[in-house]
Amino acid sequence: MDGGLRIGELARRAGVTPKAIRFYETRGILPPANRGANRYRLYGDDAVEMLRFIKQATGLGLTLAEIRDIISIRQGGRPPCTHVHHLLHDKAAELDRKLQDLLEMRRRIRKSLA
């Protein structure tokens, strides 16, 4: 593969779909691919790790805007650890609130059924 990975190979290695890759490019989360003479998208090996990170971060409930911020911090040469820690702390607190709301709703439903 002269010049990089084509989108199908990148998708396979990263565990995402080509459609997701194009979506992340459009949203500015993944940098635009280089283009070969045949106009196919060509990606470097670093794109595999970036896509794996995006997939992991979305699995933790981070929004695309939050992921974009983390990537920008990292590309700016600073470690994003503190920022990520705060984001995940806030996500956990939000989930705790939602869980309490759901438990209260379940209690009211069961009370109504009784």
N, C-alpha and C. Protein backbone atom coordinates (compact mmCIF):
# COMPACT_ATOMS: atom_id res chain seq x y z
N MET A 1 0.83 -1.18 0.00
CA MET A 1 0.00 0.00 0.00
C MET A 1 0.87 1.23 0.00
N ASP A 2 1.17 1.76 -1.12
CA ASP A 2 2.01 2.94 -1.22
C ASP A 2 1.35 4.14 -0.57
N GLY A 3 2.03 4.75 0.39
CA GLY A 3 1.56 6.00 0.95
C GLY A 3 0.57 5.90 2.09
N GLY A 4 0.14 4.73 2.47
CA GLY A 4 -0.76 4.65 3.61
C GLY A 4 -1.85 3.61 3.46
N LEU A 5 -2.74 3.64 4.45
CA LEU A 5 -3.85 2.69 4.50
C LEU A 5 -5.07 3.25 3.80
N ARG A 6 -5.72 2.43 3.01
CA ARG A 6 -6.99 2.86 2.43
C ARG A 6 -8.06 2.72 3.50
N ILE A 7 -9.18 3.37 3.27
CA ILE A 7 -10.22 3.49 4.29
C ILE A 7 -10.74 2.14 4.78
N GLY A 8 -10.88 1.17 3.90
CA GLY A 8 -11.37 -0.15 4.31
C GLY A 8 -10.41 -0.85 5.25
N GLU A 9 -9.12 -0.77 4.94
CA GLU A 9 -8.11 -1.40 5.79
C GLU A 9 -8.03 -0.68 7.13
N LEU A 10 -8.09 0.65 7.11
CA LEU A 10 -8.08 1.42 8.35
C LEU A 10 -9.28 1.04 9.21
N ALA A 11 -10.44 0.96 8.60
CA ALA A 11 -11.66 0.61 9.33
C ALA A 11 -11.52 -0.76 9.98
N ARG A 12 -10.99 -1.71 9.24
CA ARG A 12 -10.81 -3.07 9.76
C ARG A 12 -9.85 -3.07 10.95
N ARG A 13 -8.73 -2.38 10.82
CA ARG A 13 -7.73 -2.36 11.90
C ARG A 13 -8.23 -1.64 13.15
N ALA A 14 -9.01 -0.60 12.95
CA ALA A 14 -9.48 0.20 14.09
C ALA A 14 -10.78 -0.31 14.68
N GLY A 15 -11.47 -1.20 13.97
CA GLY A 15 -12.73 -1.73 14.48
C GLY A 15 -13.90 -0.78 14.33
N VAL A 16 -13.87 0.03 13.28
CA VAL A 16 -14.97 0.94 12.98
C VAL A 16 -15.38 0.75 11.52
N THR A 17 -16.38 1.47 11.10
CA THR A 17 -16.82 1.37 9.71
C THR A 17 -16.21 2.50 8.87
N PRO A 18 -16.09 2.30 7.57
CA PRO A 18 -15.64 3.41 6.72
C PRO A 18 -16.55 4.63 6.84
N LYS A 19 -17.84 4.39 7.02
CA LYS A 19 -18.79 5.50 7.19
C LYS A 19 -18.44 6.31 8.44
N ALA A 20 -18.07 5.64 9.52
CA ALA A 20 -17.68 6.33 10.75
C ALA A 20 -16.42 7.17 10.51
N ILE A 21 -15.48 6.63 9.77
CA ILE A 21 -14.25 7.37 9.47
C ILE A 21 -14.57 8.65 8.71
N ARG A 22 -15.40 8.53 7.69
CA ARG A 22 -15.78 9.73 6.92
C ARG A 22 -16.53 10.73 7.81
N PHE A 23 -17.38 10.24 8.70
CA PHE A 23 -18.11 11.10 9.63
C PHE A 23 -17.14 11.85 10.54
N TYR A 24 -16.17 11.13 11.12
CA TYR A 24 -15.20 11.78 12.01
C TYR A 24 -14.35 12.81 11.25
N GLU A 25 -14.04 12.52 10.00
CA GLU A 25 -13.32 13.51 9.18
C GLU A 25 -14.17 14.75 8.97
N THR A 26 -15.43 14.56 8.61
CA THR A 26 -16.34 15.67 8.36
C THR A 26 -16.49 16.54 9.60
N ARG A 27 -16.54 15.92 10.78
CA ARG A 27 -16.71 16.65 12.04
C ARG A 27 -15.41 17.26 12.56
N GLY A 28 -14.30 17.01 11.87
CA GLY A 28 -13.03 17.60 12.29
C GLY A 28 -12.37 16.89 13.44
N ILE A 29 -12.81 15.68 13.74
CA ILE A 29 -12.21 14.92 14.83
C ILE A 29 -10.99 14.15 14.32
N LEU A 30 -11.11 13.60 13.15
CA LEU A 30 -10.01 12.92 12.47
C LEU A 30 -9.52 13.85 11.37
N PRO A 31 -8.21 14.10 11.30
CA PRO A 31 -7.71 14.99 10.25
C PRO A 31 -8.04 14.44 8.86
N PRO A 32 -8.23 15.31 7.90
CA PRO A 32 -8.51 14.84 6.54
C PRO A 32 -7.39 13.94 6.02
N ALA A 33 -7.78 12.93 5.29
CA ALA A 33 -6.81 11.99 4.74
C ALA A 33 -6.07 12.62 3.56
N ASN A 34 -4.86 12.11 3.35
CA ASN A 34 -4.17 12.43 2.10
C ASN A 34 -4.88 11.68 1.00
N ARG A 35 -4.69 12.13 -0.21
CA ARG A 35 -5.32 11.45 -1.34
C ARG A 35 -4.25 10.92 -2.27
N GLY A 36 -4.45 9.68 -2.73
CA GLY A 36 -3.54 9.09 -3.69
C GLY A 36 -3.84 9.63 -5.09
N ALA A 37 -3.04 9.23 -6.06
CA ALA A 37 -3.24 9.65 -7.44
C ALA A 37 -4.62 9.22 -7.94
N ASN A 38 -5.13 8.13 -7.40
CA ASN A 38 -6.45 7.63 -7.78
C ASN A 38 -7.57 8.28 -6.96
N ARG A 39 -7.22 9.26 -6.10
CA ARG A 39 -8.14 10.02 -5.24
C ARG A 39 -8.66 9.22 -4.05
N TYR A 40 -8.14 8.01 -3.85
CA TYR A 40 -8.52 7.24 -2.66
C TYR A 40 -7.93 7.91 -1.43
N ARG A 41 -8.67 7.83 -0.34
CA ARG A 41 -8.15 8.33 0.94
C ARG A 41 -7.02 7.41 1.39
N LEU A 42 -5.95 8.03 1.89
CA LEU A 42 -4.81 7.28 2.41
C LEU A 42 -4.48 7.81 3.80
N TYR A 43 -4.38 6.90 4.75
CA TYR A 43 -4.17 7.26 6.15
C TYR A 43 -2.87 6.69 6.66
N GLY A 44 -2.27 7.38 7.60
CA GLY A 44 -1.07 6.88 8.27
C GLY A 44 -1.46 5.93 9.39
N ASP A 45 -0.47 5.21 9.91
CA ASP A 45 -0.72 4.26 11.00
C ASP A 45 -1.25 4.96 12.25
N ASP A 46 -0.94 6.24 12.42
CA ASP A 46 -1.43 6.97 13.60
C ASP A 46 -2.95 7.09 13.61
N ALA A 47 -3.57 7.00 12.43
CA ALA A 47 -5.03 7.09 12.35
C ALA A 47 -5.68 5.89 13.04
N VAL A 48 -5.02 4.75 13.03
CA VAL A 48 -5.58 3.55 13.70
C VAL A 48 -5.71 3.83 15.19
N GLU A 49 -4.65 4.34 15.80
CA GLU A 49 -4.69 4.62 17.23
C GLU A 49 -5.68 5.72 17.56
N MET A 50 -5.76 6.73 16.71
CA MET A 50 -6.70 7.82 16.96
C MET A 50 -8.14 7.30 16.91
N LEU A 51 -8.45 6.46 15.94
CA LEU A 51 -9.80 5.90 15.85
C LEU A 51 -10.11 4.98 17.02
N ARG A 52 -9.13 4.22 17.47
CA ARG A 52 -9.34 3.38 18.65
C ARG A 52 -9.63 4.24 19.87
N PHE A 53 -8.90 5.36 19.99
CA PHE A 53 -9.15 6.28 21.09
C PHE A 53 -10.57 6.86 21.00
N ILE A 54 -10.98 7.28 19.81
CA ILE A 54 -12.32 7.85 19.61
C ILE A 54 -13.38 6.82 20.00
N LYS A 55 -13.19 5.60 19.58
CA LYS A 55 -14.14 4.53 19.89
C LYS A 55 -14.21 4.30 21.39
N GLN A 56 -13.06 4.26 22.06
CA GLN A 56 -13.03 4.06 23.51
C GLN A 56 -13.70 5.24 24.23
N ALA A 57 -13.39 6.46 23.79
CA ALA A 57 -13.93 7.65 24.44
C ALA A 57 -15.44 7.74 24.27
N THR A 58 -15.96 7.42 23.09
CA THR A 58 -17.41 7.44 22.91
C THR A 58 -18.06 6.36 23.76
N GLY A 59 -17.36 5.24 23.94
CA GLY A 59 -17.87 4.18 24.80
C GLY A 59 -17.96 4.59 26.27
N LEU A 60 -17.18 5.60 26.65
CA LEU A 60 -17.24 6.13 28.02
C LEU A 60 -18.24 7.27 28.15
N GLY A 61 -18.93 7.57 27.04
CA GLY A 61 -19.96 8.61 27.09
C GLY A 61 -19.48 10.00 26.75
N LEU A 62 -18.24 10.14 26.29
CA LEU A 62 -17.77 11.47 25.91
C LEU A 62 -18.40 11.88 24.59
N THR A 63 -18.69 13.16 24.47
CA THR A 63 -19.28 13.68 23.24
C THR A 63 -18.17 13.89 22.21
N LEU A 64 -18.57 14.06 20.97
CA LEU A 64 -17.58 14.31 19.92
C LEU A 64 -16.85 15.63 20.17
N ALA A 65 -17.54 16.62 20.69
CA ALA A 65 -16.89 17.90 21.00
C ALA A 65 -15.84 17.71 22.10
N GLU A 66 -16.16 16.91 23.11
CA GLU A 66 -15.20 16.64 24.18
C GLU A 66 -13.99 15.87 23.65
N ILE A 67 -14.25 14.92 22.77
CA ILE A 67 -13.16 14.14 22.18
C ILE A 67 -12.28 15.06 21.32
N ARG A 68 -12.90 15.94 20.56
CA ARG A 68 -12.14 16.90 19.74
C ARG A 68 -11.24 17.75 20.62
N ASP A 69 -11.74 18.20 21.77
CA ASP A 69 -10.94 19.00 22.70
C ASP A 69 -9.73 18.20 23.22
N ILE A 70 -9.97 16.95 23.58
CA ILE A 70 -8.89 16.11 24.09
C ILE A 70 -7.80 15.94 23.03
N ILE A 71 -8.23 15.68 21.81
CA ILE A 71 -7.27 15.50 20.71
C ILE A 71 -6.50 16.80 20.47
N SER A 72 -7.17 17.94 20.54
CA SER A 72 -6.50 19.23 20.36
C SER A 72 -5.46 19.47 21.44
N ILE A 73 -5.80 19.14 22.68
CA ILE A 73 -4.85 19.30 23.78
C ILE A 73 -3.63 18.43 23.53
N ARG A 74 -3.88 17.18 23.15
CA ARG A 74 -2.78 16.24 22.89
C ARG A 74 -1.91 16.73 21.73
N GLN A 75 -2.54 17.20 20.67
CA GLN A 75 -1.78 17.68 19.52
C GLN A 75 -1.04 18.97 19.81
N GLY A 76 -1.51 19.70 20.83
CA GLY A 76 -0.84 20.92 21.25
C GLY A 76 0.40 20.64 22.08
N GLY A 77 0.69 19.38 22.32
CA GLY A 77 1.89 19.01 23.04
C GLY A 77 1.71 18.88 24.54
N ARG A 78 0.50 19.07 25.03
CA ARG A 78 0.25 18.94 26.47
C ARG A 78 -0.45 17.62 26.73
N PRO A 79 -0.20 17.02 27.89
CA PRO A 79 -0.95 15.81 28.24
C PRO A 79 -2.37 16.19 28.65
N PRO A 80 -3.37 15.50 28.11
CA PRO A 80 -4.76 15.83 28.43
C PRO A 80 -5.30 15.16 29.69
N CYS A 81 -4.42 14.56 30.49
CA CYS A 81 -4.86 13.74 31.62
C CYS A 81 -5.78 14.47 32.59
N THR A 82 -5.42 15.68 32.99
CA THR A 82 -6.24 16.42 33.95
C THR A 82 -7.60 16.74 33.35
N HIS A 83 -7.60 17.16 32.10
CA HIS A 83 -8.86 17.48 31.41
C HIS A 83 -9.75 16.24 31.33
N VAL A 84 -9.17 15.11 30.95
CA VAL A 84 -9.93 13.87 30.83
C VAL A 84 -10.45 13.44 32.21
N HIS A 85 -9.63 13.58 33.23
CA HIS A 85 -10.06 13.22 34.58
C HIS A 85 -11.30 14.03 34.98
N HIS A 86 -11.29 15.33 34.72
CA HIS A 86 -12.44 16.18 35.06
C HIS A 86 -13.68 15.78 34.25
N LEU A 87 -13.48 15.51 32.96
CA LEU A 87 -14.61 15.10 32.12
C LEU A 87 -15.25 13.81 32.65
N LEU A 88 -14.41 12.83 32.96
CA LEU A 88 -14.93 11.55 33.42
C LEU A 88 -15.56 11.67 34.81
N HIS A 89 -14.99 12.51 35.65
CA HIS A 89 -15.58 12.76 36.96
C HIS A 89 -16.98 13.34 36.80
N ASP A 90 -17.12 14.32 35.91
CA ASP A 90 -18.43 14.93 35.65
C ASP A 90 -19.41 13.92 35.06
N LYS A 91 -18.93 13.05 34.17
CA LYS A 91 -19.80 12.02 33.58
C LYS A 91 -20.30 11.07 34.66
N ALA A 92 -19.41 10.68 35.55
CA ALA A 92 -19.80 9.76 36.63
C ALA A 92 -20.85 10.41 37.53
N ALA A 93 -20.66 11.69 37.86
CA ALA A 93 -21.63 12.40 38.70
C ALA A 93 -22.98 12.51 37.98
N GLU A 94 -22.95 12.77 36.70
CA GLU A 94 -24.18 12.85 35.91
C GLU A 94 -24.91 11.50 35.90
N LEU A 95 -24.15 10.42 35.73
CA LEU A 95 -24.76 9.08 35.75
C LEU A 95 -25.34 8.77 37.13
N ASP A 96 -24.67 9.19 38.19
CA ASP A 96 -25.20 8.98 39.55
C ASP A 96 -26.55 9.68 39.71
N ARG A 97 -26.65 10.93 39.20
CA ARG A 97 -27.92 11.67 39.28
C ARG A 97 -29.01 10.96 38.49
N LYS A 98 -28.69 10.53 37.28
CA LYS A 98 -29.67 9.84 36.45
C LYS A 98 -30.12 8.54 37.10
N LEU A 99 -29.17 7.82 37.68
CA LEU A 99 -29.51 6.56 38.35
C LEU A 99 -30.46 6.81 39.52
N GLN A 100 -30.19 7.82 40.30
CA GLN A 100 -31.09 8.15 41.42
C GLN A 100 -32.48 8.52 40.92
N ASP A 101 -32.54 9.29 39.82
CA ASP A 101 -33.84 9.65 39.24
C ASP A 101 -34.59 8.41 38.77
N LEU A 102 -33.88 7.49 38.14
CA LEU A 102 -34.51 6.26 37.67
C LEU A 102 -34.99 5.39 38.83
N LEU A 103 -34.19 5.30 39.86
CA LEU A 103 -34.60 4.52 41.03
C LEU A 103 -35.83 5.12 41.69
N GLU A 104 -35.89 6.43 41.75
CA GLU A 104 -37.06 7.10 42.32
C GLU A 104 -38.29 6.85 41.45
N MET A 105 -38.12 6.91 40.15
CA MET A 105 -39.24 6.66 39.24
C MET A 105 -39.73 5.22 39.40
N ARG A 106 -38.80 4.28 39.50
CA ARG A 106 -39.20 2.88 39.70
C ARG A 106 -39.96 2.72 41.00
N ARG A 107 -39.52 3.38 42.05
CA ARG A 107 -40.21 3.32 43.35
C ARG A 107 -41.64 3.84 43.23
N ARG A 108 -41.82 4.96 42.51
CA ARG A 108 -43.17 5.54 42.34
C ARG A 108 -44.05 4.63 41.51
N ILE A 109 -43.49 4.01 40.47
CA ILE A 109 -44.26 3.08 39.65
C ILE A 109 -44.72 1.89 40.47
N ARG A 110 -43.80 1.31 41.22
CA ARG A 110 -44.17 0.15 42.06
C ARG A 110 -45.21 0.53 43.10
N LYS A 111 -45.09 1.71 43.64
CA LYS A 111 -46.09 2.19 44.62
C LYS A 111 -47.45 2.33 43.95
N SER A 112 -47.47 2.85 42.71
CA SER A 112 -48.73 3.00 41.98
C SER A 112 -49.33 1.64 41.65
N LEU A 113 -48.50 0.66 41.35
CA LEU A 113 -48.99 -0.68 41.05
C LEU A 113 -49.57 -1.38 42.28
N ALA A 114 -49.04 -1.04 43.43
CA ALA A 114 -49.51 -1.67 44.66
C ALA A 114 -50.83 -1.07 45.02
